[in-house]
Amino acid sequence: MKNIIVIVIVGFVFSACSKPKTEPVENTESQSEIIKDSTKDNPGSQVSDSESSEVMAKTDEKMEAEIAKTAFSTKAIIKDYLMLKNSLAKDDSKAAASAGKMLFETMKKTDINQLDAKKKSVYKEIAESMEENAEHIAAGTGSIEHQREHFDMLSKDVNDLIETFGSEQKLYKDFCPMYNDNKGAIWISEKKEIVNPYQGSKMLTCGSIQKEW
């Protein structure tokens, strides 16, 4: 009988010792729940650094775009002038008239609000002369010599424009010594190669470079 009791006691003790401990697991699960609840209560903490940087970059782009809309630039003016110059070099009076009209319209819609009072005054003086000459060229279809007379004056205006306000592209100031009874005339070109808008096909390569911007 005593032996039976001893065996029962030993079995009970062995069973108690071999029972797995589960308390640490329960604690780990509780910590996980706390972390999840904390994340739910504060959703803003889920925004990553990369997302924040992306938002800032987009904001900067919008600001730059707004500035670009109102900033003064000679780019469009020079583009139309060069189109006119190339048309005259090809002896194409009709294309020159079309380019003259485009230049006139560009001058009218150019935003100068970003300029200070002094530069506004300078621009308006140059623009007034440019618009008049561009208008004459636009109306001069069929009379290329008349168009070239006004292109001579227009080129002086464009030269003044670039000297005052600069250019966003590489440009050359060229000179034809034979135009206007050998008095000569300048023009502005985007090419280093001489292509004469005053002489056209008669003496296309007559001239030289006076200046580079």
N, C-alpha and C. Protein backbone atom coordinates (compact mmCIF):
# COMPACT_ATOMS: atom_id res chain seq x y z
N MET A 1 0.83 -1.21 0.00
CA MET A 1 0.00 0.00 0.00
C MET A 1 0.85 1.24 0.00
N LYS A 2 1.91 1.23 0.84
CA LYS A 2 2.83 2.37 0.90
C LYS A 2 3.50 2.57 -0.46
N ASN A 3 3.83 1.45 -1.10
CA ASN A 3 4.49 1.56 -2.41
C ASN A 3 3.59 2.23 -3.43
N ILE A 4 2.31 1.94 -3.35
CA ILE A 4 1.34 2.55 -4.29
C ILE A 4 1.26 4.05 -4.09
N ILE A 5 1.23 4.45 -2.79
CA ILE A 5 1.14 5.89 -2.47
C ILE A 5 2.37 6.62 -2.98
N VAL A 6 3.54 6.01 -2.76
CA VAL A 6 4.80 6.64 -3.22
C VAL A 6 4.80 6.81 -4.74
N ILE A 7 4.34 5.81 -5.45
CA ILE A 7 4.30 5.87 -6.93
C ILE A 7 3.37 6.99 -7.40
N VAL A 8 2.23 7.12 -6.75
CA VAL A 8 1.26 8.16 -7.11
C VAL A 8 1.85 9.54 -6.90
N ILE A 9 2.54 9.73 -5.75
CA ILE A 9 3.15 11.03 -5.43
C ILE A 9 4.23 11.38 -6.45
N VAL A 10 5.09 10.40 -6.76
CA VAL A 10 6.17 10.62 -7.72
C VAL A 10 5.60 10.99 -9.09
N GLY A 11 4.52 10.31 -9.50
CA GLY A 11 3.89 10.59 -10.79
C GLY A 11 3.32 11.98 -10.85
N PHE A 12 2.75 12.40 -9.72
CA PHE A 12 2.18 13.74 -9.66
C PHE A 12 3.26 14.81 -9.80
N VAL A 13 4.37 14.59 -9.06
CA VAL A 13 5.49 15.55 -9.11
C VAL A 13 6.07 15.62 -10.52
N PHE A 14 6.25 14.47 -11.18
CA PHE A 14 6.81 14.42 -12.54
C PHE A 14 5.90 15.15 -13.54
N SER A 15 4.60 14.95 -13.34
CA SER A 15 3.62 15.61 -14.22
C SER A 15 3.68 17.12 -14.07
N ALA A 16 3.82 17.59 -12.84
CA ALA A 16 3.88 19.03 -12.57
C ALA A 16 5.14 19.66 -13.17
N CYS A 17 6.28 18.95 -13.09
CA CYS A 17 7.55 19.47 -13.60
C CYS A 17 7.58 19.52 -15.13
N SER A 18 6.93 18.56 -15.77
CA SER A 18 6.96 18.49 -17.23
C SER A 18 5.94 19.39 -17.90
N LYS A 19 5.07 20.05 -17.14
CA LYS A 19 4.05 20.93 -17.70
C LYS A 19 4.71 22.18 -18.31
N PRO A 20 4.46 22.50 -19.57
CA PRO A 20 5.12 23.66 -20.22
C PRO A 20 4.65 24.98 -19.63
N LYS A 21 5.60 25.90 -19.54
CA LYS A 21 5.27 27.24 -19.02
C LYS A 21 4.78 28.11 -20.18
N THR A 22 3.65 28.71 -20.03
CA THR A 22 3.03 29.50 -21.12
C THR A 22 2.94 30.98 -20.82
N GLU A 23 3.32 31.39 -19.61
CA GLU A 23 3.15 32.79 -19.23
C GLU A 23 3.94 33.77 -20.10
N PRO A 24 5.21 33.46 -20.45
CA PRO A 24 5.95 34.41 -21.30
C PRO A 24 5.29 34.61 -22.65
N VAL A 25 4.73 33.55 -23.25
CA VAL A 25 4.06 33.64 -24.53
C VAL A 25 2.87 34.58 -24.44
N GLU A 26 2.12 34.41 -23.29
CA GLU A 26 0.96 35.28 -23.09
C GLU A 26 1.39 36.74 -23.00
N ASN A 27 2.52 37.01 -22.37
CA ASN A 27 3.02 38.39 -22.24
C ASN A 27 3.39 38.97 -23.59
N THR A 28 4.04 38.14 -24.47
CA THR A 28 4.44 38.59 -25.81
C THR A 28 3.24 38.97 -26.65
N GLU A 29 2.19 38.14 -26.56
CA GLU A 29 0.97 38.44 -27.31
C GLU A 29 0.33 39.73 -26.83
N SER A 30 0.38 39.97 -25.55
CA SER A 30 -0.20 41.18 -24.98
C SER A 30 0.55 42.42 -25.49
N GLN A 31 1.91 42.30 -25.58
CA GLN A 31 2.70 43.42 -26.08
C GLN A 31 2.37 43.73 -27.53
N SER A 32 2.15 42.68 -28.34
CA SER A 32 1.81 42.87 -29.75
C SER A 32 0.50 43.61 -29.89
N GLU A 33 -0.47 43.23 -29.04
CA GLU A 33 -1.77 43.88 -29.08
C GLU A 33 -1.65 45.36 -28.74
N ILE A 34 -0.78 45.67 -27.77
CA ILE A 34 -0.59 47.06 -27.34
C ILE A 34 -0.02 47.89 -28.49
N ILE A 35 0.97 47.30 -29.21
CA ILE A 35 1.60 48.00 -30.34
C ILE A 35 0.58 48.25 -31.44
N LYS A 36 -0.25 47.23 -31.77
CA LYS A 36 -1.27 47.39 -32.80
C LYS A 36 -2.25 48.49 -32.45
N ASP A 37 -2.70 48.48 -31.16
CA ASP A 37 -3.65 49.49 -30.72
C ASP A 37 -3.04 50.89 -30.81
N SER A 38 -1.75 51.00 -30.49
CA SER A 38 -1.07 52.29 -30.54
C SER A 38 -1.01 52.82 -31.97
N THR A 39 -0.76 51.94 -32.94
CA THR A 39 -0.69 52.32 -34.35
C THR A 39 -2.04 52.78 -34.86
N LYS A 40 -3.11 52.08 -34.42
CA LYS A 40 -4.46 52.47 -34.83
C LYS A 40 -4.82 53.84 -34.30
N ASP A 41 -4.42 54.11 -33.03
CA ASP A 41 -4.76 55.38 -32.40
C ASP A 41 -3.98 56.54 -33.02
N ASN A 42 -2.84 56.28 -33.66
CA ASN A 42 -2.01 57.34 -34.23
C ASN A 42 -1.66 57.02 -35.68
N PRO A 43 -2.61 57.08 -36.62
CA PRO A 43 -2.37 56.71 -38.02
C PRO A 43 -1.33 57.59 -38.70
N GLY A 44 -1.13 58.82 -38.24
CA GLY A 44 -0.16 59.71 -38.86
C GLY A 44 1.25 59.19 -38.77
N SER A 45 1.51 58.31 -37.80
CA SER A 45 2.86 57.78 -37.63
C SER A 45 3.22 56.82 -38.74
N GLN A 46 2.25 56.40 -39.57
CA GLN A 46 2.51 55.46 -40.63
C GLN A 46 3.10 56.12 -41.87
N VAL A 47 3.13 57.51 -41.96
CA VAL A 47 3.67 58.21 -43.12
C VAL A 47 5.19 58.08 -43.13
N SER A 48 5.73 57.56 -44.20
CA SER A 48 7.17 57.32 -44.30
C SER A 48 7.90 58.59 -44.69
N ASP A 49 9.22 58.60 -44.51
CA ASP A 49 10.05 59.74 -44.89
C ASP A 49 10.00 59.96 -46.40
N SER A 50 9.96 58.87 -47.18
CA SER A 50 9.94 58.98 -48.64
C SER A 50 8.66 59.64 -49.12
N GLU A 51 7.53 59.31 -48.47
CA GLU A 51 6.25 59.92 -48.85
C GLU A 51 6.26 61.40 -48.53
N SER A 52 6.84 61.74 -47.39
CA SER A 52 6.91 63.14 -46.98
C SER A 52 7.77 63.94 -47.94
N SER A 53 8.89 63.36 -48.39
CA SER A 53 9.78 64.03 -49.35
C SER A 53 9.09 64.22 -50.69
N GLU A 54 8.28 63.23 -51.08
CA GLU A 54 7.56 63.31 -52.37
C GLU A 54 6.57 64.46 -52.37
N VAL A 55 5.86 64.64 -51.25
CA VAL A 55 4.90 65.73 -51.12
C VAL A 55 5.61 67.08 -51.23
N MET A 56 6.76 67.19 -50.55
CA MET A 56 7.53 68.44 -50.58
C MET A 56 8.03 68.75 -51.99
N ALA A 57 8.47 67.71 -52.70
CA ALA A 57 8.98 67.88 -54.07
C ALA A 57 7.89 68.38 -55.00
N LYS A 58 6.67 67.80 -54.86
CA LYS A 58 5.54 68.23 -55.69
C LYS A 58 5.17 69.67 -55.43
N THR A 59 5.25 70.08 -54.16
CA THR A 59 4.94 71.46 -53.78
C THR A 59 5.95 72.42 -54.41
N ASP A 60 7.24 72.04 -54.38
CA ASP A 60 8.28 72.87 -54.99
C ASP A 60 8.07 73.01 -56.49
N GLU A 61 7.68 71.91 -57.15
CA GLU A 61 7.44 71.93 -58.59
C GLU A 61 6.31 72.89 -58.96
N LYS A 62 5.24 72.87 -58.15
CA LYS A 62 4.11 73.76 -58.40
C LYS A 62 4.53 75.22 -58.27
N MET A 63 5.35 75.51 -57.24
CA MET A 63 5.81 76.87 -57.02
C MET A 63 6.68 77.35 -58.19
N GLU A 64 7.57 76.47 -58.66
CA GLU A 64 8.44 76.81 -59.78
C GLU A 64 7.63 77.06 -61.06
N ALA A 65 6.58 76.26 -61.24
CA ALA A 65 5.72 76.42 -62.43
C ALA A 65 5.00 77.76 -62.40
N GLU A 66 4.55 78.17 -61.21
CA GLU A 66 3.85 79.45 -61.08
C GLU A 66 4.80 80.61 -61.37
N ILE A 67 6.05 80.49 -60.88
CA ILE A 67 7.04 81.54 -61.13
C ILE A 67 7.35 81.64 -62.62
N ALA A 68 7.49 80.46 -63.26
CA ALA A 68 7.81 80.42 -64.70
C ALA A 68 6.73 81.08 -65.54
N LYS A 69 5.47 80.99 -65.09
CA LYS A 69 4.36 81.58 -65.84
C LYS A 69 4.47 83.09 -65.91
N THR A 70 5.00 83.71 -64.85
CA THR A 70 5.01 85.16 -64.77
C THR A 70 6.39 85.77 -65.02
N ALA A 71 7.45 84.96 -65.03
CA ALA A 71 8.80 85.48 -65.20
C ALA A 71 9.01 86.00 -66.61
N PHE A 72 9.72 87.15 -66.73
CA PHE A 72 10.00 87.73 -68.05
C PHE A 72 11.05 86.90 -68.76
N SER A 73 10.83 86.66 -70.05
CA SER A 73 11.77 85.90 -70.87
C SER A 73 11.76 86.42 -72.30
N THR A 74 12.95 86.42 -72.92
CA THR A 74 13.07 86.83 -74.32
C THR A 74 12.97 85.63 -75.27
N LYS A 75 12.81 84.44 -74.72
CA LYS A 75 12.87 83.21 -75.51
C LYS A 75 11.88 83.19 -76.67
N ALA A 76 10.61 83.47 -76.41
CA ALA A 76 9.58 83.41 -77.45
C ALA A 76 9.79 84.50 -78.51
N ILE A 77 10.24 85.67 -78.07
CA ILE A 77 10.49 86.78 -78.99
C ILE A 77 11.61 86.42 -79.97
N ILE A 78 12.69 85.91 -79.42
CA ILE A 78 13.84 85.54 -80.25
C ILE A 78 13.50 84.39 -81.19
N LYS A 79 12.70 83.45 -80.72
CA LYS A 79 12.28 82.32 -81.56
C LYS A 79 11.55 82.83 -82.82
N ASP A 80 10.61 83.76 -82.64
CA ASP A 80 9.86 84.30 -83.79
C ASP A 80 10.77 85.12 -84.70
N TYR A 81 11.68 85.88 -84.10
CA TYR A 81 12.62 86.68 -84.91
C TYR A 81 13.49 85.76 -85.78
N LEU A 82 13.99 84.68 -85.20
CA LEU A 82 14.84 83.75 -85.95
C LEU A 82 14.07 83.07 -87.09
N MET A 83 12.81 82.81 -86.86
CA MET A 83 11.97 82.24 -87.92
C MET A 83 11.83 83.23 -89.09
N LEU A 84 11.67 84.49 -88.74
CA LEU A 84 11.59 85.55 -89.74
C LEU A 84 12.91 85.67 -90.50
N LYS A 85 14.00 85.68 -89.78
CA LYS A 85 15.33 85.77 -90.39
C LYS A 85 15.59 84.64 -91.39
N ASN A 86 15.22 83.43 -91.00
CA ASN A 86 15.43 82.27 -91.87
C ASN A 86 14.55 82.31 -93.11
N SER A 87 13.37 82.88 -92.98
CA SER A 87 12.47 83.02 -94.15
C SER A 87 13.04 83.99 -95.17
N LEU A 88 13.61 85.10 -94.69
CA LEU A 88 14.22 86.08 -95.59
C LEU A 88 15.47 85.50 -96.27
N ALA A 89 16.22 84.70 -95.55
CA ALA A 89 17.40 84.07 -96.13
C ALA A 89 17.02 83.12 -97.27
N LYS A 90 15.81 82.59 -97.20
CA LYS A 90 15.31 81.69 -98.27
C LYS A 90 14.55 82.46 -99.35
N ASP A 91 14.53 83.78 -99.24
CA ASP A 91 13.80 84.63 -100.19
C ASP A 91 12.30 84.33 -100.19
N ASP A 92 11.78 83.94 -99.04
CA ASP A 92 10.37 83.55 -98.93
C ASP A 92 9.58 84.68 -98.26
N SER A 93 9.02 85.53 -99.08
CA SER A 93 8.31 86.71 -98.58
C SER A 93 7.05 86.34 -97.79
N LYS A 94 6.33 85.34 -98.27
CA LYS A 94 5.10 84.92 -97.60
C LYS A 94 5.38 84.37 -96.20
N ALA A 95 6.40 83.52 -96.10
CA ALA A 95 6.76 82.95 -94.79
C ALA A 95 7.28 84.05 -93.86
N ALA A 96 7.99 85.02 -94.43
CA ALA A 96 8.48 86.15 -93.63
C ALA A 96 7.32 86.96 -93.07
N ALA A 97 6.30 87.16 -93.88
CA ALA A 97 5.11 87.89 -93.43
C ALA A 97 4.42 87.15 -92.29
N SER A 98 4.32 85.85 -92.42
CA SER A 98 3.69 85.03 -91.38
C SER A 98 4.48 85.10 -90.07
N ALA A 99 5.82 85.03 -90.20
CA ALA A 99 6.68 85.12 -89.02
C ALA A 99 6.61 86.51 -88.39
N GLY A 100 6.49 87.54 -89.23
CA GLY A 100 6.36 88.90 -88.73
C GLY A 100 5.08 89.08 -87.91
N LYS A 101 4.01 88.47 -88.38
CA LYS A 101 2.74 88.52 -87.66
C LYS A 101 2.85 87.81 -86.31
N MET A 102 3.49 86.65 -86.31
CA MET A 102 3.68 85.90 -85.06
C MET A 102 4.50 86.69 -84.05
N LEU A 103 5.55 87.34 -84.56
CA LEU A 103 6.40 88.15 -83.68
C LEU A 103 5.62 89.31 -83.09
N PHE A 104 4.81 89.95 -83.90
CA PHE A 104 3.99 91.08 -83.42
C PHE A 104 3.06 90.61 -82.30
N GLU A 105 2.42 89.48 -82.49
CA GLU A 105 1.50 88.94 -81.48
C GLU A 105 2.23 88.54 -80.21
N THR A 106 3.43 87.98 -80.36
CA THR A 106 4.23 87.59 -79.20
C THR A 106 4.63 88.81 -78.38
N MET A 107 5.00 89.88 -79.07
CA MET A 107 5.38 91.12 -78.38
C MET A 107 4.21 91.66 -77.57
N LYS A 108 3.02 91.58 -78.13
CA LYS A 108 1.84 92.12 -77.47
C LYS A 108 1.48 91.36 -76.19
N LYS A 109 1.74 90.05 -76.17
CA LYS A 109 1.32 89.25 -75.01
C LYS A 109 2.46 88.93 -74.04
N THR A 110 3.66 89.46 -74.30
CA THR A 110 4.79 89.22 -73.39
C THR A 110 4.54 89.88 -72.04
N ASP A 111 4.69 89.11 -70.97
CA ASP A 111 4.44 89.58 -69.61
C ASP A 111 5.70 90.28 -69.07
N ILE A 112 5.57 91.54 -68.70
CA ILE A 112 6.72 92.28 -68.16
C ILE A 112 6.50 92.70 -66.70
N ASN A 113 5.54 92.09 -66.05
CA ASN A 113 5.22 92.47 -64.67
C ASN A 113 6.35 92.21 -63.68
N GLN A 114 7.24 91.26 -64.03
CA GLN A 114 8.35 90.94 -63.12
C GLN A 114 9.51 91.94 -63.24
N LEU A 115 9.46 92.82 -64.23
CA LEU A 115 10.54 93.79 -64.41
C LEU A 115 10.34 95.00 -63.49
N ASP A 116 11.46 95.59 -63.07
CA ASP A 116 11.35 96.81 -62.27
C ASP A 116 11.00 97.99 -63.20
N ALA A 117 10.71 99.13 -62.61
CA ALA A 117 10.23 100.29 -63.38
C ALA A 117 11.21 100.72 -64.47
N LYS A 118 12.51 100.70 -64.15
CA LYS A 118 13.52 101.14 -65.11
C LYS A 118 13.58 100.20 -66.32
N LYS A 119 13.59 98.89 -66.06
CA LYS A 119 13.67 97.92 -67.15
C LYS A 119 12.36 97.86 -67.95
N LYS A 120 11.26 98.10 -67.28
CA LYS A 120 9.98 98.17 -67.99
C LYS A 120 10.01 99.28 -69.03
N SER A 121 10.55 100.42 -68.62
CA SER A 121 10.62 101.57 -69.51
C SER A 121 11.51 101.27 -70.73
N VAL A 122 12.65 100.61 -70.48
CA VAL A 122 13.56 100.24 -71.56
C VAL A 122 12.89 99.25 -72.51
N TYR A 123 12.23 98.25 -71.92
CA TYR A 123 11.57 97.24 -72.74
C TYR A 123 10.48 97.86 -73.61
N LYS A 124 9.68 98.72 -73.03
CA LYS A 124 8.58 99.33 -73.79
C LYS A 124 9.08 100.13 -74.98
N GLU A 125 10.22 100.80 -74.80
CA GLU A 125 10.80 101.58 -75.90
C GLU A 125 11.25 100.65 -77.03
N ILE A 126 11.93 99.56 -76.66
CA ILE A 126 12.38 98.58 -77.66
C ILE A 126 11.18 97.91 -78.32
N ALA A 127 10.22 97.52 -77.50
CA ALA A 127 9.04 96.78 -77.99
C ALA A 127 8.22 97.62 -78.97
N GLU A 128 8.11 98.90 -78.70
CA GLU A 128 7.33 99.78 -79.59
C GLU A 128 7.91 99.78 -81.01
N SER A 129 9.23 99.87 -81.09
CA SER A 129 9.88 99.86 -82.40
C SER A 129 9.79 98.47 -83.05
N MET A 130 9.97 97.42 -82.25
CA MET A 130 9.88 96.05 -82.78
C MET A 130 8.49 95.76 -83.34
N GLU A 131 7.47 96.17 -82.62
CA GLU A 131 6.10 95.93 -83.06
C GLU A 131 5.80 96.64 -84.38
N GLU A 132 6.29 97.87 -84.50
CA GLU A 132 6.07 98.63 -85.73
C GLU A 132 6.74 97.94 -86.92
N ASN A 133 7.98 97.51 -86.74
CA ASN A 133 8.71 96.86 -87.83
C ASN A 133 8.13 95.48 -88.16
N ALA A 134 7.73 94.75 -87.14
CA ALA A 134 7.12 93.44 -87.37
C ALA A 134 5.80 93.57 -88.12
N GLU A 135 5.06 94.63 -87.80
CA GLU A 135 3.78 94.88 -88.47
C GLU A 135 3.99 95.19 -89.95
N HIS A 136 5.01 95.96 -90.26
CA HIS A 136 5.33 96.29 -91.66
C HIS A 136 5.72 95.03 -92.43
N ILE A 137 6.52 94.18 -91.79
CA ILE A 137 6.95 92.93 -92.44
C ILE A 137 5.76 92.02 -92.68
N ALA A 138 4.85 91.96 -91.70
CA ALA A 138 3.65 91.11 -91.82
C ALA A 138 2.76 91.56 -92.97
N ALA A 139 2.75 92.86 -93.22
CA ALA A 139 1.89 93.41 -94.28
C ALA A 139 2.61 93.50 -95.63
N GLY A 140 3.88 93.07 -95.67
CA GLY A 140 4.68 93.28 -96.88
C GLY A 140 4.81 92.08 -97.79
N THR A 141 3.86 91.18 -97.77
CA THR A 141 3.92 90.01 -98.66
C THR A 141 4.08 90.43 -100.11
N GLY A 142 5.09 89.83 -100.78
CA GLY A 142 5.31 90.15 -102.18
C GLY A 142 6.34 91.24 -102.40
N SER A 143 6.73 91.93 -101.34
CA SER A 143 7.75 92.98 -101.45
C SER A 143 8.88 92.69 -100.47
N ILE A 144 9.71 91.73 -100.83
CA ILE A 144 10.74 91.25 -99.91
C ILE A 144 11.79 92.32 -99.59
N GLU A 145 12.06 93.24 -100.52
CA GLU A 145 13.03 94.30 -100.24
C GLU A 145 12.50 95.25 -99.17
N HIS A 146 11.20 95.50 -99.21
CA HIS A 146 10.58 96.33 -98.17
C HIS A 146 10.65 95.61 -96.81
N GLN A 147 10.42 94.31 -96.83
CA GLN A 147 10.50 93.52 -95.61
C GLN A 147 11.92 93.55 -95.03
N ARG A 148 12.90 93.48 -95.92
CA ARG A 148 14.30 93.50 -95.47
C ARG A 148 14.70 94.86 -94.89
N GLU A 149 14.13 95.93 -95.41
CA GLU A 149 14.39 97.26 -94.84
C GLU A 149 13.95 97.31 -93.38
N HIS A 150 12.77 96.77 -93.13
CA HIS A 150 12.26 96.78 -91.75
C HIS A 150 12.95 95.72 -90.89
N PHE A 151 13.45 94.66 -91.53
CA PHE A 151 14.21 93.65 -90.79
C PHE A 151 15.53 94.23 -90.30
N ASP A 152 16.11 95.13 -91.09
CA ASP A 152 17.34 95.83 -90.69
C ASP A 152 17.10 96.57 -89.37
N MET A 153 16.03 97.33 -89.30
CA MET A 153 15.70 98.09 -88.08
C MET A 153 15.30 97.16 -86.94
N LEU A 154 14.57 96.11 -87.29
CA LEU A 154 14.14 95.13 -86.29
C LEU A 154 15.34 94.44 -85.65
N SER A 155 16.36 94.14 -86.44
CA SER A 155 17.55 93.46 -85.93
C SER A 155 18.30 94.33 -84.92
N LYS A 156 18.31 95.64 -85.15
CA LYS A 156 18.92 96.56 -84.18
C LYS A 156 18.16 96.52 -82.85
N ASP A 157 16.83 96.44 -82.96
CA ASP A 157 16.00 96.34 -81.76
C ASP A 157 16.27 95.04 -80.99
N VAL A 158 16.37 93.94 -81.72
CA VAL A 158 16.61 92.64 -81.09
C VAL A 158 17.99 92.62 -80.44
N ASN A 159 18.96 93.27 -81.09
CA ASN A 159 20.30 93.39 -80.50
C ASN A 159 20.22 94.12 -79.15
N ASP A 160 19.47 95.22 -79.11
CA ASP A 160 19.30 95.98 -77.87
C ASP A 160 18.58 95.14 -76.81
N LEU A 161 17.60 94.37 -77.25
CA LEU A 161 16.85 93.51 -76.34
C LEU A 161 17.77 92.50 -75.67
N ILE A 162 18.62 91.86 -76.46
CA ILE A 162 19.53 90.84 -75.93
C ILE A 162 20.58 91.47 -75.02
N GLU A 163 21.10 92.63 -75.42
CA GLU A 163 22.10 93.31 -74.60
C GLU A 163 21.53 93.69 -73.23
N THR A 164 20.26 94.03 -73.20
CA THR A 164 19.63 94.46 -71.94
C THR A 164 19.11 93.30 -71.10
N PHE A 165 18.45 92.34 -71.76
CA PHE A 165 17.75 91.29 -71.01
C PHE A 165 18.36 89.88 -71.18
N GLY A 166 19.34 89.75 -72.07
CA GLY A 166 20.00 88.46 -72.23
C GLY A 166 19.21 87.49 -73.09
N SER A 167 19.78 86.30 -73.23
CA SER A 167 19.15 85.24 -74.03
C SER A 167 19.37 83.90 -73.35
N GLU A 168 18.44 82.98 -73.58
CA GLU A 168 18.54 81.65 -72.99
C GLU A 168 19.24 80.66 -73.92
N GLN A 169 19.72 81.13 -75.07
CA GLN A 169 20.40 80.25 -76.01
C GLN A 169 21.62 80.94 -76.61
N LYS A 170 22.48 80.14 -77.22
CA LYS A 170 23.67 80.67 -77.87
C LYS A 170 23.27 81.44 -79.12
N LEU A 171 23.76 82.67 -79.25
CA LEU A 171 23.41 83.50 -80.40
C LEU A 171 24.65 84.21 -80.95
N TYR A 172 24.54 84.61 -82.22
CA TYR A 172 25.64 85.31 -82.90
C TYR A 172 25.11 86.61 -83.52
N LYS A 173 25.90 87.64 -83.39
CA LYS A 173 25.59 88.92 -84.06
C LYS A 173 26.42 88.96 -85.35
N ASP A 174 25.74 88.89 -86.48
CA ASP A 174 26.41 88.86 -87.79
C ASP A 174 26.29 90.21 -88.49
N PHE A 175 27.18 90.41 -89.48
CA PHE A 175 27.20 91.69 -90.18
C PHE A 175 27.38 91.48 -91.69
N CYS A 176 26.51 92.15 -92.45
CA CYS A 176 26.61 92.15 -93.91
C CYS A 176 27.13 93.52 -94.35
N PRO A 177 28.34 93.60 -94.91
CA PRO A 177 28.92 94.91 -95.27
C PRO A 177 28.33 95.53 -96.54
N MET A 178 27.63 94.76 -97.33
CA MET A 178 27.18 95.23 -98.64
C MET A 178 25.74 95.76 -98.65
N TYR A 179 24.96 95.43 -97.63
CA TYR A 179 23.55 95.82 -97.66
C TYR A 179 23.40 97.33 -97.53
N ASN A 180 22.34 97.86 -98.14
CA ASN A 180 22.00 99.28 -98.07
C ASN A 180 23.14 100.15 -98.63
N ASP A 181 23.50 99.86 -99.88
CA ASP A 181 24.55 100.63 -100.57
C ASP A 181 25.86 100.64 -99.79
N ASN A 182 26.23 99.47 -99.35
CA ASN A 182 27.50 99.25 -98.63
C ASN A 182 27.58 99.95 -97.26
N LYS A 183 26.42 100.36 -96.75
CA LYS A 183 26.40 100.91 -95.39
C LYS A 183 26.45 99.79 -94.37
N GLY A 184 25.96 98.64 -94.78
CA GLY A 184 26.01 97.45 -93.91
C GLY A 184 24.80 97.33 -93.00
N ALA A 185 24.60 96.13 -92.48
CA ALA A 185 23.48 95.86 -91.57
C ALA A 185 23.79 94.61 -90.75
N ILE A 186 23.27 94.60 -89.53
CA ILE A 186 23.48 93.44 -88.65
C ILE A 186 22.25 92.54 -88.67
N TRP A 187 22.43 91.33 -88.22
CA TRP A 187 21.32 90.44 -87.90
C TRP A 187 21.76 89.48 -86.81
N ILE A 188 20.80 88.87 -86.16
CA ILE A 188 21.08 87.92 -85.08
C ILE A 188 20.79 86.51 -85.59
N SER A 189 21.70 85.59 -85.29
CA SER A 189 21.55 84.22 -85.78
C SER A 189 21.79 83.20 -84.67
N GLU A 190 21.16 82.06 -84.79
CA GLU A 190 21.38 80.94 -83.87
C GLU A 190 22.48 80.01 -84.37
N LYS A 191 22.99 80.30 -85.59
CA LYS A 191 24.00 79.45 -86.23
C LYS A 191 25.33 80.18 -86.36
N LYS A 192 26.41 79.44 -86.22
CA LYS A 192 27.73 80.02 -86.43
C LYS A 192 27.98 80.25 -87.93
N GLU A 193 27.37 79.40 -88.72
CA GLU A 193 27.48 79.51 -90.18
C GLU A 193 26.75 80.78 -90.66
N ILE A 194 27.38 81.50 -91.58
CA ILE A 194 26.77 82.72 -92.14
C ILE A 194 25.70 82.34 -93.16
N VAL A 195 24.47 82.79 -92.89
CA VAL A 195 23.35 82.61 -93.83
C VAL A 195 22.67 83.98 -93.91
N ASN A 196 22.94 84.72 -94.96
CA ASN A 196 22.59 86.14 -95.05
C ASN A 196 21.11 86.36 -95.42
N PRO A 197 20.33 87.00 -94.51
CA PRO A 197 18.91 87.26 -94.79
C PRO A 197 18.69 88.50 -95.68
N TYR A 198 19.73 89.31 -95.86
CA TYR A 198 19.61 90.51 -96.69
C TYR A 198 19.87 90.22 -98.16
N GLN A 199 20.80 89.30 -98.42
CA GLN A 199 21.16 88.97 -99.80
C GLN A 199 20.46 87.71 -100.31
N GLY A 200 20.08 86.85 -99.41
CA GLY A 200 19.41 85.61 -99.83
C GLY A 200 20.26 84.79 -100.77
N SER A 201 19.63 84.24 -101.79
CA SER A 201 20.31 83.34 -102.72
C SER A 201 21.38 84.04 -103.56
N LYS A 202 21.34 85.36 -103.63
CA LYS A 202 22.33 86.10 -104.43
C LYS A 202 23.73 86.00 -103.81
N MET A 203 23.81 86.20 -102.50
CA MET A 203 25.09 86.09 -101.79
C MET A 203 24.81 85.57 -100.37
N LEU A 204 24.43 84.33 -100.28
CA LEU A 204 23.95 83.75 -99.03
C LEU A 204 25.01 83.72 -97.93
N THR A 205 26.28 83.55 -98.30
CA THR A 205 27.33 83.41 -97.28
C THR A 205 28.12 84.71 -97.07
N CYS A 206 27.60 85.80 -97.59
CA CYS A 206 28.28 87.09 -97.41
C CYS A 206 28.09 87.58 -95.97
N GLY A 207 29.16 87.92 -95.29
CA GLY A 207 29.06 88.46 -93.95
C GLY A 207 30.09 87.88 -92.99
N SER A 208 30.04 88.35 -91.76
CA SER A 208 30.97 87.88 -90.73
C SER A 208 30.34 87.98 -89.35
N ILE A 209 30.90 87.27 -88.39
CA ILE A 209 30.41 87.30 -87.02
C ILE A 209 31.08 88.45 -86.27
N GLN A 210 30.26 89.28 -85.65
CA GLN A 210 30.78 90.41 -84.87
C GLN A 210 30.84 90.11 -83.37
N LYS A 211 29.89 89.27 -82.92
CA LYS A 211 29.80 89.04 -81.47
C LYS A 211 29.10 87.73 -81.19
N GLU A 212 29.39 87.14 -80.02
CA GLU A 212 28.69 85.93 -79.58
C GLU A 212 28.09 86.17 -78.19
N TRP A 213 26.92 85.62 -77.98
CA TRP A 213 26.31 85.68 -76.64
C TRP A 213 26.18 84.27 -76.08
